[in-house]
Amino acid sequence: MSSTKVMRFTAEWSDPCKEYLSIFTKVVGEFKDLTVESYDIETDCGVEMASDYGIKGVPTTIIFKDDEYSIKVGVVPEADLREALDD
């Protein structure tokens, strides 16, 4: 059984982040057993996490599956996000 963790990095002022939120929420809600973490890059914890993961732009989504991960930058289309989580 694989375990999947999803980290989403956003900023409150970012229009693409606002656009992506509805896509992200819809698709992630379709999957059971996901661990989801969201970080605003302008909060103390978010700044630290963004630095740790080398985040350069928002929105950024990192999907961890077992020992592998993929990074998606920008507004990820619904079908692409679903496929990345389903693989």
C-alpha atoms as a PDB file:
ATOM      1  CA  MET A   1       0.000   0.000   0.000  1.00  0.00           C
ATOM      2  CA  SER A   2       1.465   3.337  -0.952  1.00  0.00           C
ATOM      3  CA  SER A   3       1.283   6.420   1.216  1.00  0.00           C
ATOM      4  CA  THR A   4       0.820   9.813  -0.386  1.00  0.00           C
ATOM      5  CA  LYS A   5       1.569  13.202   1.093  1.00  0.00           C
ATOM      6  CA  VAL A   6       0.718  16.443  -0.691  1.00  0.00           C
ATOM      7  CA  MET A   7       2.228  19.808   0.205  1.00  0.00           C
ATOM      8  CA  ARG A   8       0.705  22.973  -1.257  1.00  0.00           C
ATOM      9  CA  PHE A   9       2.546  26.298  -1.096  1.00  0.00           C
ATOM     10  CA  THR A  10       0.534  29.475  -1.628  1.00  0.00           C
ATOM     11  CA  ALA A  11       0.415  33.201  -0.947  1.00  0.00           C
ATOM     12  CA  GLU A  12      -2.708  35.109   0.024  1.00  0.00           C
ATOM     13  CA  TRP A  13      -2.057  37.871  -2.536  1.00  0.00           C
ATOM     14  CA  SER A  14      -1.570  35.459  -5.458  1.00  0.00           C
ATOM     15  CA  ASP A  15      -4.436  35.302  -7.965  1.00  0.00           C
ATOM     16  CA  PRO A  16      -3.161  31.991  -9.427  1.00  0.00           C
ATOM     17  CA  CYS A  17      -3.221  30.533  -5.889  1.00  0.00           C
ATOM     18  CA  LYS A  18      -6.834  31.626  -5.497  1.00  0.00           C
ATOM     19  CA  GLU A  19      -7.696  30.079  -8.862  1.00  0.00           C
ATOM     20  CA  TYR A  20      -5.906  26.833  -7.995  1.00  0.00           C
ATOM     21  CA  LEU A  21      -7.565  26.434  -4.586  1.00  0.00           C
ATOM     22  CA  SER A  22     -10.883  25.229  -6.036  1.00  0.00           C
ATOM     23  CA  ILE A  23      -9.150  22.754  -8.369  1.00  0.00           C
ATOM     24  CA  PHE A  24      -6.886  21.482  -5.600  1.00  0.00           C
ATOM     25  CA  THR A  25      -9.725  21.114  -3.087  1.00  0.00           C
ATOM     26  CA  LYS A  26     -11.963  19.276  -5.548  1.00  0.00           C
ATOM     27  CA  VAL A  27      -9.338  16.805  -6.746  1.00  0.00           C
ATOM     28  CA  VAL A  28      -7.746  16.117  -3.356  1.00  0.00           C
ATOM     29  CA  GLY A  29     -11.223  15.456  -1.956  1.00  0.00           C
ATOM     30  CA  GLU A  30     -11.610  12.569  -4.398  1.00  0.00           C
ATOM     31  CA  PHE A  31      -8.726  10.635  -2.842  1.00  0.00           C
ATOM     32  CA  LYS A  32      -8.741   8.772   0.456  1.00  0.00           C
ATOM     33  CA  ASP A  33      -5.720   8.337   2.678  1.00  0.00           C
ATOM     34  CA  LEU A  34      -3.897  11.480   1.562  1.00  0.00           C
ATOM     35  CA  THR A  35      -1.949  13.581   3.984  1.00  0.00           C
ATOM     36  CA  VAL A  36      -2.339  17.218   2.920  1.00  0.00           C
ATOM     37  CA  GLU A  37      -0.277  20.124   4.231  1.00  0.00           C
ATOM     38  CA  SER A  38      -0.785  23.721   3.095  1.00  0.00           C
ATOM     39  CA  TYR A  39       1.653  26.565   3.692  1.00  0.00           C
ATOM     40  CA  ASP A  40       1.376  30.291   3.066  1.00  0.00           C
ATOM     41  CA  ILE A  41       4.883  31.384   2.084  1.00  0.00           C
ATOM     42  CA  GLU A  42       4.488  34.613   4.029  1.00  0.00           C
ATOM     43  CA  THR A  43       3.904  33.057   7.454  1.00  0.00           C
ATOM     44  CA  ASP A  44       6.808  32.071   9.683  1.00  0.00           C
ATOM     45  CA  CYS A  45       6.275  28.351   9.196  1.00  0.00           C
ATOM     46  CA  GLY A  46       5.550  28.786   5.479  1.00  0.00           C
ATOM     47  CA  VAL A  47       8.739  30.785   4.889  1.00  0.00           C
ATOM     48  CA  GLU A  48      10.788  28.083   6.580  1.00  0.00           C
ATOM     49  CA  MET A  49       9.097  25.222   4.707  1.00  0.00           C
ATOM     50  CA  ALA A  50       9.364  27.039   1.364  1.00  0.00           C
ATOM     51  CA  SER A  51      13.058  27.594   1.987  1.00  0.00           C
ATOM     52  CA  ASP A  52      13.569  23.947   2.968  1.00  0.00           C
ATOM     53  CA  TYR A  53      11.980  22.778  -0.298  1.00  0.00           C
ATOM     54  CA  GLY A  54      13.464  25.470  -2.552  1.00  0.00           C
ATOM     55  CA  ILE A  55      10.088  26.944  -3.515  1.00  0.00           C
ATOM     56  CA  LYS A  56      10.583  29.793  -6.000  1.00  0.00           C
ATOM     57  CA  GLY A  57       7.001  30.484  -7.086  1.00  0.00           C
ATOM     58  CA  VAL A  58       3.419  29.897  -6.037  1.00  0.00           C
ATOM     59  CA  PRO A  59       1.305  27.970  -6.264  1.00  0.00           C
ATOM     60  CA  THR A  60       3.593  24.964  -5.944  1.00  0.00           C
ATOM     61  CA  THR A  61       2.393  21.458  -5.185  1.00  0.00           C
ATOM     62  CA  ILE A  62       4.735  18.672  -4.098  1.00  0.00           C
ATOM     63  CA  ILE A  63       3.428  15.111  -4.211  1.00  0.00           C
ATOM     64  CA  PHE A  64       5.329  12.502  -2.206  1.00  0.00           C
ATOM     65  CA  LYS A  65       4.629   8.841  -2.923  1.00  0.00           C
ATOM     66  CA  ASP A  66       6.683   6.296  -1.057  1.00  0.00           C
ATOM     67  CA  ASP A  67      10.304   7.258  -1.832  1.00  0.00           C
ATOM     68  CA  GLU A  68       9.581   9.479  -4.844  1.00  0.00           C
ATOM     69  CA  TYR A  69       8.193  12.955  -5.314  1.00  0.00           C
ATOM     70  CA  SER A  70       7.041  15.284  -8.064  1.00  0.00           C
ATOM     71  CA  ILE A  71       6.838  19.064  -8.076  1.00  0.00           C
ATOM     72  CA  LYS A  72       4.106  20.947  -9.911  1.00  0.00           C
ATOM     73  CA  VAL A  73       4.498  24.725 -10.235  1.00  0.00           C
ATOM     74  CA  GLY A  74       1.609  26.962 -11.196  1.00  0.00           C
ATOM     75  CA  VAL A  75      -2.059  26.203 -11.628  1.00  0.00           C
ATOM     76  CA  VAL A  76      -2.160  22.476 -12.311  1.00  0.00           C
ATOM     77  CA  PRO A  77      -5.080  21.457 -14.521  1.00  0.00           C
ATOM     78  CA  GLU A  78      -7.608  19.222 -12.790  1.00  0.00           C
ATOM     79  CA  ALA A  79      -6.875  16.191 -14.994  1.00  0.00           C
ATOM     80  CA  ASP A  80      -3.104  16.533 -14.518  1.00  0.00           C
ATOM     81  CA  LEU A  81      -3.401  16.771 -10.737  1.00  0.00           C
ATOM     82  CA  ARG A  82      -5.739  13.786 -10.646  1.00  0.00           C
ATOM     83  CA  GLU A  83      -3.303  11.782 -12.783  1.00  0.00           C
ATOM     84  CA  ALA A  84      -0.328  12.730 -10.580  1.00  0.00           C
ATOM     85  CA  LEU A  85      -2.190  11.588  -7.460  1.00  0.00           C
ATOM     86  CA  ASP A  86      -3.524   8.449  -9.122  1.00  0.00           C
ATOM     87  CA  ASP A  87      -0.200   7.130 -10.491  1.00  0.00           C
END
